[in-house]
Amino acid sequence: MIIDSLQAPYYAVIFSTLLSDNLEGYEKTAFRMEELAKQQPGYLGIESARNEVGITVSYWESLDAIVLWKNNIEHTEAREKGRGTWYKKYQLRICKVEREYGFEQ
């Protein structure tokens, strides 16, 4: 799903990943993190795709909302599990979206 209802300015957290061979518990945790993020103040939405590289973009009202999400205890535990087990590599980028436009046929 592509989110087209956001009003700039807002923030995007871009999480790019390469998975390891050990994915035990990964899918369940990923689903839980998405459900938990939706409950956080300032959460606006999420888009995700995976081929060789996985890319998840979550959208937030403010940098403060992103910090609160980062410091959520369940999210912290999942991050530690990701570093130790599920990911060969990941990169996180936080961007301020000033403008957007789109097209739909």
PDB file of N, CA and C in Angstrom:
ATOM      1  N   MET A   1       0.844  -1.180   0.000  1.00  0.00           N
ATOM      2  CA  MET A   1       0.000   0.000   0.000  1.00  0.00           C
ATOM      3  C   MET A   1       0.891   1.246   0.000  1.00  0.00           C
ATOM      4  N   ILE A   2       0.533   2.220  -0.796  1.00  0.00           N
ATOM      5  CA  ILE A   2       1.217   3.507  -0.822  1.00  0.00           C
ATOM      6  C   ILE A   2       0.322   4.521  -0.121  1.00  0.00           C
ATOM      7  N   ILE A   3       0.871   5.170   0.880  1.00  0.00           N
ATOM      8  CA  ILE A   3       0.117   6.171   1.636  1.00  0.00           C
ATOM      9  C   ILE A   3       0.117   7.472   0.857  1.00  0.00           C
ATOM     10  N   ASP A   4      -1.053   8.026   0.634  1.00  0.00           N
ATOM     11  CA  ASP A   4      -1.130   9.285  -0.113  1.00  0.00           C
ATOM     12  C   ASP A   4      -1.924  10.353   0.633  1.00  0.00           C
ATOM     13  N   SER A   5      -2.055  10.204   1.943  1.00  0.00           N
ATOM     14  CA  SER A   5      -2.872  11.135   2.709  1.00  0.00           C
ATOM     15  C   SER A   5      -2.058  11.986   3.683  1.00  0.00           C
ATOM     16  N   LEU A   6      -0.746  11.991   3.556  1.00  0.00           N
ATOM     17  CA  LEU A   6       0.096  12.745   4.478  1.00  0.00           C
ATOM     18  C   LEU A   6       0.200  14.199   4.050  1.00  0.00           C
ATOM     19  N   GLN A   7       0.328  15.072   5.046  1.00  0.00           N
ATOM     20  CA  GLN A   7       0.454  16.502   4.779  1.00  0.00           C
ATOM     21  C   GLN A   7       1.823  16.977   5.249  1.00  0.00           C
ATOM     22  N   ALA A   8       2.662  17.392   4.305  1.00  0.00           N
ATOM     23  CA  ALA A   8       4.002  17.884   4.643  1.00  0.00           C
ATOM     24  C   ALA A   8       3.883  19.194   5.426  1.00  0.00           C
ATOM     25  N   PRO A   9       4.826  19.446   6.314  1.00  0.00           N
ATOM     26  CA  PRO A   9       6.007  18.647   6.612  1.00  0.00           C
ATOM     27  C   PRO A   9       5.713  17.524   7.612  1.00  0.00           C
ATOM     28  N   TYR A  10       6.486  16.458   7.468  1.00  0.00           N
ATOM     29  CA  TYR A  10       6.467  15.333   8.396  1.00  0.00           C
ATOM     30  C   TYR A  10       7.816  14.632   8.258  1.00  0.00           C
ATOM     31  N   TYR A  11       8.025  13.597   9.031  1.00  0.00           N
ATOM     32  CA  TYR A  11       9.303  12.896   9.024  1.00  0.00           C
ATOM     33  C   TYR A  11       9.147  11.466   8.514  1.00  0.00           C
ATOM     34  N   ALA A  12      10.174  10.997   7.821  1.00  0.00           N
ATOM     35  CA  ALA A  12      10.220   9.626   7.328  1.00  0.00           C
ATOM     36  C   ALA A  12      11.439   8.941   7.932  1.00  0.00           C
ATOM     37  N   VAL A  13      11.222   7.753   8.483  1.00  0.00           N
ATOM     38  CA  VAL A  13      12.310   6.917   8.968  1.00  0.00           C
ATOM     39  C   VAL A  13      12.454   5.784   7.959  1.00  0.00           C
ATOM     40  N   ILE A  14      13.583   5.746   7.276  1.00  0.00           N
ATOM     41  CA  ILE A  14      13.841   4.755   6.232  1.00  0.00           C
ATOM     42  C   ILE A  14      14.765   3.687   6.810  1.00  0.00           C
ATOM     43  N   PHE A  15      14.269   2.459   6.849  1.00  0.00           N
ATOM     44  CA  PHE A  15      14.993   1.340   7.454  1.00  0.00           C
ATOM     45  C   PHE A  15      15.272   0.320   6.360  1.00  0.00           C
ATOM     46  N   SER A  16      16.541   0.247   5.920  1.00  0.00           N
ATOM     47  CA  SER A  16      16.957  -0.664   4.848  1.00  0.00           C
ATOM     48  C   SER A  16      17.715  -1.833   5.479  1.00  0.00           C
ATOM     49  N   THR A  17      17.396  -3.072   5.036  1.00  0.00           N
ATOM     50  CA  THR A  17      17.968  -4.243   5.693  1.00  0.00           C
ATOM     51  C   THR A  17      18.418  -5.318   4.709  1.00  0.00           C
ATOM     52  N   LEU A  18      19.425  -6.069   5.142  1.00  0.00           N
ATOM     53  CA  LEU A  18      19.809  -7.329   4.529  1.00  0.00           C
ATOM     54  C   LEU A  18      19.631  -8.382   5.610  1.00  0.00           C
ATOM     55  N   LEU A  19      18.829  -9.412   5.333  1.00  0.00           N
ATOM     56  CA  LEU A  19      18.533 -10.433   6.323  1.00  0.00           C
ATOM     57  C   LEU A  19      19.630 -11.484   6.413  1.00  0.00           C
ATOM     58  N   SER A  20      19.762 -12.052   7.602  1.00  0.00           N
ATOM     59  CA  SER A  20      20.661 -13.180   7.812  1.00  0.00           C
ATOM     60  C   SER A  20      19.927 -14.465   7.432  1.00  0.00           C
ATOM     61  N   ASP A  21      20.569 -15.590   7.651  1.00  0.00           N
ATOM     62  CA  ASP A  21      19.935 -16.874   7.383  1.00  0.00           C
ATOM     63  C   ASP A  21      19.060 -17.348   8.538  1.00  0.00           C
ATOM     64  N   ASN A  22      19.223 -16.773   9.724  1.00  0.00           N
ATOM     65  CA  ASN A  22      18.455 -17.164  10.904  1.00  0.00           C
ATOM     66  C   ASN A  22      17.301 -16.189  11.107  1.00  0.00           C
ATOM     67  N   LEU A  23      16.111 -16.593  10.685  1.00  0.00           N
ATOM     68  CA  LEU A  23      14.946 -15.705  10.773  1.00  0.00           C
ATOM     69  C   LEU A  23      13.900 -16.206  11.765  1.00  0.00           C
ATOM     70  N   GLU A  24      14.315 -17.066  12.684  1.00  0.00           N
ATOM     71  CA  GLU A  24      13.382 -17.597  13.676  1.00  0.00           C
ATOM     72  C   GLU A  24      12.792 -16.455  14.508  1.00  0.00           C
ATOM     73  N   GLY A  25      11.467 -16.326  14.463  1.00  0.00           N
ATOM     74  CA  GLY A  25      10.764 -15.294  15.209  1.00  0.00           C
ATOM     75  C   GLY A  25      10.688 -13.941  14.526  1.00  0.00           C
ATOM     76  N   TYR A  26      11.343 -13.805  13.374  1.00  0.00           N
ATOM     77  CA  TYR A  26      11.417 -12.502  12.698  1.00  0.00           C
ATOM     78  C   TYR A  26      10.044 -12.000  12.249  1.00  0.00           C
ATOM     79  N   GLU A  27       9.307 -12.834  11.538  1.00  0.00           N
ATOM     80  CA  GLU A  27       8.019 -12.403  10.984  1.00  0.00           C
ATOM     81  C   GLU A  27       7.051 -11.992  12.088  1.00  0.00           C
ATOM     82  N   LYS A  28       6.986 -12.782  13.140  1.00  0.00           N
ATOM     83  CA  LYS A  28       6.093 -12.474  14.264  1.00  0.00           C
ATOM     84  C   LYS A  28       6.480 -11.144  14.912  1.00  0.00           C
ATOM     85  N   THR A  29       7.772 -10.925  15.093  1.00  0.00           N
ATOM     86  CA  THR A  29       8.240  -9.683  15.709  1.00  0.00           C
ATOM     87  C   THR A  29       7.999  -8.493  14.794  1.00  0.00           C
ATOM     88  N   ALA A  30       8.236  -8.656  13.505  1.00  0.00           N
ATOM     89  CA  ALA A  30       8.002  -7.564  12.555  1.00  0.00           C
ATOM     90  C   ALA A  30       6.535  -7.141  12.576  1.00  0.00           C
ATOM     91  N   PHE A  31       5.636  -8.119  12.606  1.00  0.00           N
ATOM     92  CA  PHE A  31       4.209  -7.817  12.675  1.00  0.00           C
ATOM     93  C   PHE A  31       3.887  -7.089  13.978  1.00  0.00           C
ATOM     94  N   ARG A  32       4.452  -7.545  15.085  1.00  0.00           N
ATOM     95  CA  ARG A  32       4.219  -6.912  16.387  1.00  0.00           C
ATOM     96  C   ARG A  32       4.734  -5.481  16.390  1.00  0.00           C
ATOM     97  N   MET A  33       5.892  -5.232  15.792  1.00  0.00           N
ATOM     98  CA  MET A  33       6.447  -3.884  15.764  1.00  0.00           C
ATOM     99  C   MET A  33       5.557  -2.943  14.961  1.00  0.00           C
ATOM    100  N   GLU A  34       5.005  -3.433  13.865  1.00  0.00           N
ATOM    101  CA  GLU A  34       4.097  -2.594  13.076  1.00  0.00           C
ATOM    102  C   GLU A  34       2.838  -2.262  13.873  1.00  0.00           C
ATOM    103  N   GLU A  35       2.280  -3.254  14.540  1.00  0.00           N
ATOM    104  CA  GLU A  35       1.081  -3.021  15.364  1.00  0.00           C
ATOM    105  C   GLU A  35       1.383  -2.071  16.516  1.00  0.00           C
ATOM    106  N   LEU A  36       2.531  -2.231  17.143  1.00  0.00           N
ATOM    107  CA  LEU A  36       2.917  -1.374  18.259  1.00  0.00           C
ATOM    108  C   LEU A  36       3.186   0.057  17.795  1.00  0.00           C
ATOM    109  N   ALA A  37       3.845   0.206  16.648  1.00  0.00           N
ATOM    110  CA  ALA A  37       4.126   1.546  16.117  1.00  0.00           C
ATOM    111  C   ALA A  37       2.834   2.313  15.873  1.00  0.00           C
ATOM    112  N   LYS A  38       1.814   1.620  15.375  1.00  0.00           N
ATOM    113  CA  LYS A  38       0.525   2.269  15.107  1.00  0.00           C
ATOM    114  C   LYS A  38      -0.099   2.869  16.360  1.00  0.00           C
ATOM    115  N   GLN A  39       0.280   2.384  17.528  1.00  0.00           N
ATOM    116  CA  GLN A  39      -0.266   2.864  18.799  1.00  0.00           C
ATOM    117  C   GLN A  39       0.511   4.051  19.363  1.00  0.00           C
ATOM    118  N   GLN A  40       1.637   4.401  18.743  1.00  0.00           N
ATOM    119  CA  GLN A  40       2.502   5.444  19.281  1.00  0.00           C
ATOM    120  C   GLN A  40       2.004   6.832  18.890  1.00  0.00           C
ATOM    121  N   PRO A  41       2.115   7.787  19.823  1.00  0.00           N
ATOM    122  CA  PRO A  41       1.764   9.174  19.489  1.00  0.00           C
ATOM    123  C   PRO A  41       2.631   9.672  18.335  1.00  0.00           C
ATOM    124  N   GLY A  42       2.013  10.335  17.387  1.00  0.00           N
ATOM    125  CA  GLY A  42       2.752  10.913  16.269  1.00  0.00           C
ATOM    126  C   GLY A  42       2.967   9.994  15.087  1.00  0.00           C
ATOM    127  N   TYR A  43       2.516   8.743  15.185  1.00  0.00           N
ATOM    128  CA  TYR A  43       2.643   7.796  14.075  1.00  0.00           C
ATOM    129  C   TYR A  43       1.683   8.189  12.954  1.00  0.00           C
ATOM    130  N   LEU A  44       2.163   8.161  11.707  1.00  0.00           N
ATOM    131  CA  LEU A  44       1.328   8.541  10.565  1.00  0.00           C
ATOM    132  C   LEU A  44       1.093   7.407   9.580  1.00  0.00           C
ATOM    133  N   GLY A  45       1.989   6.412   9.530  1.00  0.00           N
ATOM    134  CA  GLY A  45       1.797   5.319   8.583  1.00  0.00           C
ATOM    135  C   GLY A  45       3.101   4.608   8.280  1.00  0.00           C
ATOM    136  N   ILE A  46       2.976   3.570   7.432  1.00  0.00           N
ATOM    137  CA  ILE A  46       4.143   2.750   7.096  1.00  0.00           C
ATOM    138  C   ILE A  46       3.990   2.174   5.691  1.00  0.00           C
ATOM    139  N   GLU A  47       5.121   2.044   4.995  1.00  0.00           N
ATOM    140  CA  GLU A  47       5.192   1.366   3.701  1.00  0.00           C
ATOM    141  C   GLU A  47       6.389   0.430   3.753  1.00  0.00           C
ATOM    142  N   SER A  48       6.268  -0.731   3.122  1.00  0.00           N
ATOM    143  CA  SER A  48       7.346  -1.703   3.216  1.00  0.00           C
ATOM    144  C   SER A  48       7.416  -2.562   1.963  1.00  0.00           C
ATOM    145  N   ALA A  49       8.640  -2.950   1.596  1.00  0.00           N
ATOM    146  CA  ALA A  49       8.857  -3.846   0.455  1.00  0.00           C
ATOM    147  C   ALA A  49      10.118  -4.660   0.724  1.00  0.00           C
ATOM    148  N   ARG A  50      10.124  -5.880   0.210  1.00  0.00           N
ATOM    149  CA  ARG A  50      11.308  -6.715   0.396  1.00  0.00           C
ATOM    150  C   ARG A  50      11.574  -7.535  -0.848  1.00  0.00           C
ATOM    151  N   ASN A  51      12.784  -7.443  -1.345  1.00  0.00           N
ATOM    152  CA  ASN A  51      13.378  -8.367  -2.302  1.00  0.00           C
ATOM    153  C   ASN A  51      14.690  -8.783  -1.659  1.00  0.00           C
ATOM    154  N   GLU A  52      15.801  -8.593  -2.331  1.00  0.00           N
ATOM    155  CA  GLU A  52      17.087  -8.862  -1.684  1.00  0.00           C
ATOM    156  C   GLU A  52      17.306  -7.878  -0.536  1.00  0.00           C
ATOM    157  N   VAL A  53      16.964  -6.620  -0.778  1.00  0.00           N
ATOM    158  CA  VAL A  53      17.040  -5.580   0.238  1.00  0.00           C
ATOM    159  C   VAL A  53      15.624  -5.267   0.700  1.00  0.00           C
ATOM    160  N   GLY A  54      15.431  -5.228   2.011  1.00  0.00           N
ATOM    161  CA  GLY A  54      14.145  -4.818   2.562  1.00  0.00           C
ATOM    162  C   GLY A  54      14.181  -3.337   2.867  1.00  0.00           C
ATOM    163  N   ILE A  55      13.099  -2.650   2.547  1.00  0.00           N
ATOM    164  CA  ILE A  55      12.997  -1.224   2.857  1.00  0.00           C
ATOM    165  C   ILE A  55      11.649  -0.977   3.513  1.00  0.00           C
ATOM    166  N   THR A  56      11.698  -0.435   4.711  1.00  0.00           N
ATOM    167  CA  THR A  56      10.488  -0.037   5.425  1.00  0.00           C
ATOM    168  C   THR A  56      10.602   1.444   5.717  1.00  0.00           C
ATOM    169  N   VAL A  57       9.562   2.189   5.369  1.00  0.00           N
ATOM    170  CA  VAL A  57       9.519   3.620   5.643  1.00  0.00           C
ATOM    171  C   VAL A  57       8.349   3.870   6.572  1.00  0.00           C
ATOM    172  N   SER A  58       8.646   4.400   7.750  1.00  0.00           N
ATOM    173  CA  SER A  58       7.572   4.796   8.658  1.00  0.00           C
ATOM    174  C   SER A  58       7.521   6.319   8.690  1.00  0.00           C
ATOM    175  N   TYR A  59       6.318   6.847   8.887  1.00  0.00           N
ATOM    176  CA  TYR A  59       6.092   8.287   8.828  1.00  0.00           C
ATOM    177  C   TYR A  59       5.634   8.781  10.195  1.00  0.00           C
ATOM    178  N   TRP A  60       6.165   9.950  10.586  1.00  0.00           N
ATOM    179  CA  TRP A  60       5.958  10.484  11.927  1.00  0.00           C
ATOM    180  C   TRP A  60       5.720  11.990  11.884  1.00  0.00           C
ATOM    181  N   GLU A  61       4.965  12.478  12.852  1.00  0.00           N
ATOM    182  CA  GLU A  61       4.672  13.909  12.944  1.00  0.00           C
ATOM    183  C   GLU A  61       5.883  14.745  13.327  1.00  0.00           C
ATOM    184  N   SER A  62       6.776  14.175  14.164  1.00  0.00           N
ATOM    185  CA  SER A  62       7.876  14.977  14.708  1.00  0.00           C
ATOM    186  C   SER A  62       9.079  14.107  15.055  1.00  0.00           C
ATOM    187  N   LEU A  63      10.208  14.768  15.277  1.00  0.00           N
ATOM    188  CA  LEU A  63      11.392  14.058  15.751  1.00  0.00           C
ATOM    189  C   LEU A  63      11.166  13.508  17.152  1.00  0.00           C
ATOM    190  N   ASP A  64      10.418  14.230  17.978  1.00  0.00           N
ATOM    191  CA  ASP A  64      10.105  13.747  19.329  1.00  0.00           C
ATOM    192  C   ASP A  64       9.338  12.428  19.281  1.00  0.00           C
ATOM    193  N   ALA A  65       8.398  12.298  18.355  1.00  0.00           N
ATOM    194  CA  ALA A  65       7.639  11.058  18.210  1.00  0.00           C
ATOM    195  C   ALA A  65       8.562   9.905  17.807  1.00  0.00           C
ATOM    196  N   ILE A  66       9.536  10.195  16.956  1.00  0.00           N
ATOM    197  CA  ILE A  66      10.498   9.171  16.535  1.00  0.00           C
ATOM    198  C   ILE A  66      11.348   8.719  17.722  1.00  0.00           C
ATOM    199  N   VAL A  67      11.787   9.656  18.543  1.00  0.00           N
ATOM    200  CA  VAL A  67      12.591   9.314  19.721  1.00  0.00           C
ATOM    201  C   VAL A  67      11.774   8.468  20.701  1.00  0.00           C
ATOM    202  N   LEU A  68      10.516   8.820  20.904  1.00  0.00           N
ATOM    203  CA  LEU A  68       9.664   8.023  21.793  1.00  0.00           C
ATOM    204  C   LEU A  68       9.529   6.593  21.268  1.00  0.00           C
ATOM    205  N   TRP A  69       9.352   6.447  19.971  1.00  0.00           N
ATOM    206  CA  TRP A  69       9.262   5.113  19.373  1.00  0.00           C
ATOM    207  C   TRP A  69      10.585   4.363  19.549  1.00  0.00           C
ATOM    208  N   LYS A  70      11.693   5.039  19.285  1.00  0.00           N
ATOM    209  CA  LYS A  70      13.000   4.400  19.451  1.00  0.00           C
ATOM    210  C   LYS A  70      13.190   3.888  20.872  1.00  0.00           C
ATOM    211  N   ASN A  71      12.705   4.631  21.851  1.00  0.00           N
ATOM    212  CA  ASN A  71      12.907   4.278  23.247  1.00  0.00           C
ATOM    213  C   ASN A  71      11.854   3.329  23.806  1.00  0.00           C
ATOM    214  N   ASN A  72      10.864   2.947  23.014  1.00  0.00           N
ATOM    215  CA  ASN A  72       9.870   1.970  23.455  1.00  0.00           C
ATOM    216  C   ASN A  72      10.587   0.666  23.801  1.00  0.00           C
ATOM    217  N   ILE A  73      10.299   0.099  24.951  1.00  0.00           N
ATOM    218  CA  ILE A  73      11.046  -1.060  25.448  1.00  0.00           C
ATOM    219  C   ILE A  73      10.930  -2.275  24.518  1.00  0.00           C
ATOM    220  N   GLU A  74       9.730  -2.554  24.005  1.00  0.00           N
ATOM    221  CA  GLU A  74       9.582  -3.694  23.081  1.00  0.00           C
ATOM    222  C   GLU A  74      10.362  -3.459  21.792  1.00  0.00           C
ATOM    223  N   HIS A  75      10.338  -2.219  21.323  1.00  0.00           N
ATOM    224  CA  HIS A  75      11.076  -1.876  20.110  1.00  0.00           C
ATOM    225  C   HIS A  75      12.582  -2.020  20.344  1.00  0.00           C
ATOM    226  N   THR A  76      13.040  -1.601  21.515  1.00  0.00           N
ATOM    227  CA  THR A  76      14.452  -1.740  21.871  1.00  0.00           C
ATOM    228  C   THR A  76      14.863  -3.209  21.892  1.00  0.00           C
ATOM    229  N   GLU A  77      14.038  -4.061  22.490  1.00  0.00           N
ATOM    230  CA  GLU A  77      14.332  -5.499  22.535  1.00  0.00           C
ATOM    231  C   GLU A  77      14.371  -6.100  21.127  1.00  0.00           C
ATOM    232  N   ALA A  78      13.444  -5.687  20.264  1.00  0.00           N
ATOM    233  CA  ALA A  78      13.421  -6.182  18.882  1.00  0.00           C
ATOM    234  C   ALA A  78      14.662  -5.717  18.123  1.00  0.00           C
ATOM    235  N   ARG A  79      15.091  -4.482  18.345  1.00  0.00           N
ATOM    236  CA  ARG A  79      16.296  -3.961  17.701  1.00  0.00           C
ATOM    237  C   ARG A  79      17.518  -4.788  18.094  1.00  0.00           C
ATOM    238  N   GLU A  80      17.619  -5.107  19.377  1.00  0.00           N
ATOM    239  CA  GLU A  80      18.745  -5.919  19.848  1.00  0.00           C
ATOM    240  C   GLU A  80      18.727  -7.315  19.222  1.00  0.00           C
ATOM    241  N   LYS A  81      17.540  -7.909  19.115  1.00  0.00           N
ATOM    242  CA  LYS A  81      17.407  -9.220  18.478  1.00  0.00           C
ATOM    243  C   LYS A  81      17.796  -9.121  16.995  1.00  0.00           C
ATOM    244  N   GLY A  82      17.389  -8.041  16.351  1.00  0.00           N
ATOM    245  CA  GLY A  82      17.748  -7.824  14.949  1.00  0.00           C
ATOM    246  C   GLY A  82      19.243  -7.748  14.742  1.00  0.00           C
ATOM    247  N   ARG A  83      19.919  -6.988  15.589  1.00  0.00           N
ATOM    248  CA  ARG A  83      21.378  -6.855  15.473  1.00  0.00           C
ATOM    249  C   ARG A  83      22.081  -8.180  15.722  1.00  0.00           C
ATOM    250  N   GLY A  84      21.566  -8.952  16.666  1.00  0.00           N
ATOM    251  CA  GLY A  84      22.233 -10.188  17.046  1.00  0.00           C
ATOM    252  C   GLY A  84      21.881 -11.390  16.201  1.00  0.00           C
ATOM    253  N   THR A  85      20.713 -11.356  15.540  1.00  0.00           N
ATOM    254  CA  THR A  85      20.226 -12.566  14.880  1.00  0.00           C
ATOM    255  C   THR A  85      19.754 -12.357  13.450  1.00  0.00           C
ATOM    256  N   TRP A  86      18.846 -11.435  13.223  1.00  0.00           N
ATOM    257  CA  TRP A  86      18.114 -11.382  11.955  1.00  0.00           C
ATOM    258  C   TRP A  86      18.787 -10.618  10.824  1.00  0.00           C
ATOM    259  N   TYR A  87      19.624  -9.643  11.134  1.00  0.00           N
ATOM    260  CA  TYR A  87      20.173  -8.786  10.087  1.00  0.00           C
ATOM    261  C   TYR A  87      21.666  -9.019   9.865  1.00  0.00           C
ATOM    262  N   LYS A  88      22.046  -9.099   8.583  1.00  0.00           N
ATOM    263  CA  LYS A  88      23.459  -9.037   8.224  1.00  0.00           C
ATOM    264  C   LYS A  88      23.912  -7.584   8.282  1.00  0.00           C
ATOM    265  N   LYS A  89      22.986  -6.707   7.874  1.00  0.00           N
ATOM    266  CA  LYS A  89      23.292  -5.276   7.821  1.00  0.00           C
ATOM    267  C   LYS A  89      21.980  -4.511   7.815  1.00  0.00           C
ATOM    268  N   TYR A  90      21.997  -3.339   8.439  1.00  0.00           N
ATOM    269  CA  TYR A  90      20.878  -2.414   8.263  1.00  0.00           C
ATOM    270  C   TYR A  90      21.375  -0.985   8.301  1.00  0.00           C
ATOM    271  N   GLN A  91      20.595  -0.121   7.721  1.00  0.00           N
ATOM    272  CA  GLN A  91      20.888   1.311   7.706  1.00  0.00           C
ATOM    273  C   GLN A  91      19.591   2.037   8.004  1.00  0.00           C
ATOM    274  N   LEU A  92      19.657   3.024   8.879  1.00  0.00           N
ATOM    275  CA  LEU A  92      18.482   3.809   9.235  1.00  0.00           C
ATOM    276  C   LEU A  92      18.733   5.269   8.875  1.00  0.00           C
ATOM    277  N   ARG A  93      17.763   5.866   8.229  1.00  0.00           N
ATOM    278  CA  ARG A  93      17.866   7.270   7.841  1.00  0.00           C
ATOM    279  C   ARG A  93      16.606   7.991   8.297  1.00  0.00           C
ATOM    280  N   ILE A  94      16.772   9.190   8.822  1.00  0.00           N
ATOM    281  CA  ILE A  94      15.631  10.008   9.248  1.00  0.00           C
ATOM    282  C   ILE A  94      15.645  11.271   8.396  1.00  0.00           C
ATOM    283  N   CYS A  95      14.515  11.516   7.733  1.00  0.00           N
ATOM    284  CA  CYS A  95      14.421  12.629   6.788  1.00  0.00           C
ATOM    285  C   CYS A  95      13.195  13.483   7.097  1.00  0.00           C
ATOM    286  N   LYS A  96      13.314  14.753   6.871  1.00  0.00           N
ATOM    287  CA  LYS A  96      12.156  15.641   6.954  1.00  0.00           C
ATOM    288  C   LYS A  96      11.594  15.805   5.547  1.00  0.00           C
ATOM    289  N   VAL A  97      10.329  15.491   5.387  1.00  0.00           N
ATOM    290  CA  VAL A  97       9.659  15.620   4.091  1.00  0.00           C
ATOM    291  C   VAL A  97       9.041  17.012   4.031  1.00  0.00           C
ATOM    292  N   GLU A  98       9.525  17.805   3.113  1.00  0.00           N
ATOM    293  CA  GLU A  98       9.053  19.181   2.950  1.00  0.00           C
ATOM    294  C   GLU A  98       7.940  19.297   1.911  1.00  0.00           C
ATOM    295  N   ARG A  99       7.986  18.375   0.942  1.00  0.00           N
ATOM    296  CA  ARG A  99       7.038  18.452  -0.175  1.00  0.00           C
ATOM    297  C   ARG A  99       6.878  17.065  -0.740  1.00  0.00           C
ATOM    298  N   GLU A 100       5.706  16.790  -1.295  1.00  0.00           N
ATOM    299  CA  GLU A 100       5.461  15.517  -1.947  1.00  0.00           C
ATOM    300  C   GLU A 100       4.442  15.696  -3.062  1.00  0.00           C
ATOM    301  N   TYR A 101       4.454  14.772  -3.974  1.00  0.00           N
ATOM    302  CA  TYR A 101       3.433  14.725  -5.010  1.00  0.00           C
ATOM    303  C   TYR A 101       3.361  13.303  -5.520  1.00  0.00           C
ATOM    304  N   GLY A 102       2.299  12.971  -6.236  1.00  0.00           N
ATOM    305  CA  GLY A 102       2.151  11.612  -6.716  1.00  0.00           C
ATOM    306  C   GLY A 102       1.260  11.532  -7.940  1.00  0.00           C
ATOM    307  N   PHE A 103       1.014  10.324  -8.363  1.00  0.00           N
ATOM    308  CA  PHE A 103       0.217  10.031  -9.536  1.00  0.00           C
ATOM    309  C   PHE A 103      -0.524   8.729  -9.287  1.00  0.00           C
ATOM    310  N   GLU A 104      -1.752   8.671  -9.758  1.00  0.00           N
ATOM    311  CA  GLU A 104      -2.516   7.416  -9.703  1.00  0.00           C
ATOM    312  C   GLU A 104      -3.359   7.334 -10.949  1.00  0.00           C
ATOM    313  N   GLN A 105      -3.342   6.185 -11.584  1.00  0.00           N
ATOM    314  CA  GLN A 105      -4.091   5.999 -12.824  1.00  0.00           C
ATOM    315  C   GLN A 105      -5.458   5.456 -12.528  1.00  0.00           C
TER     316      GLN A 105
END
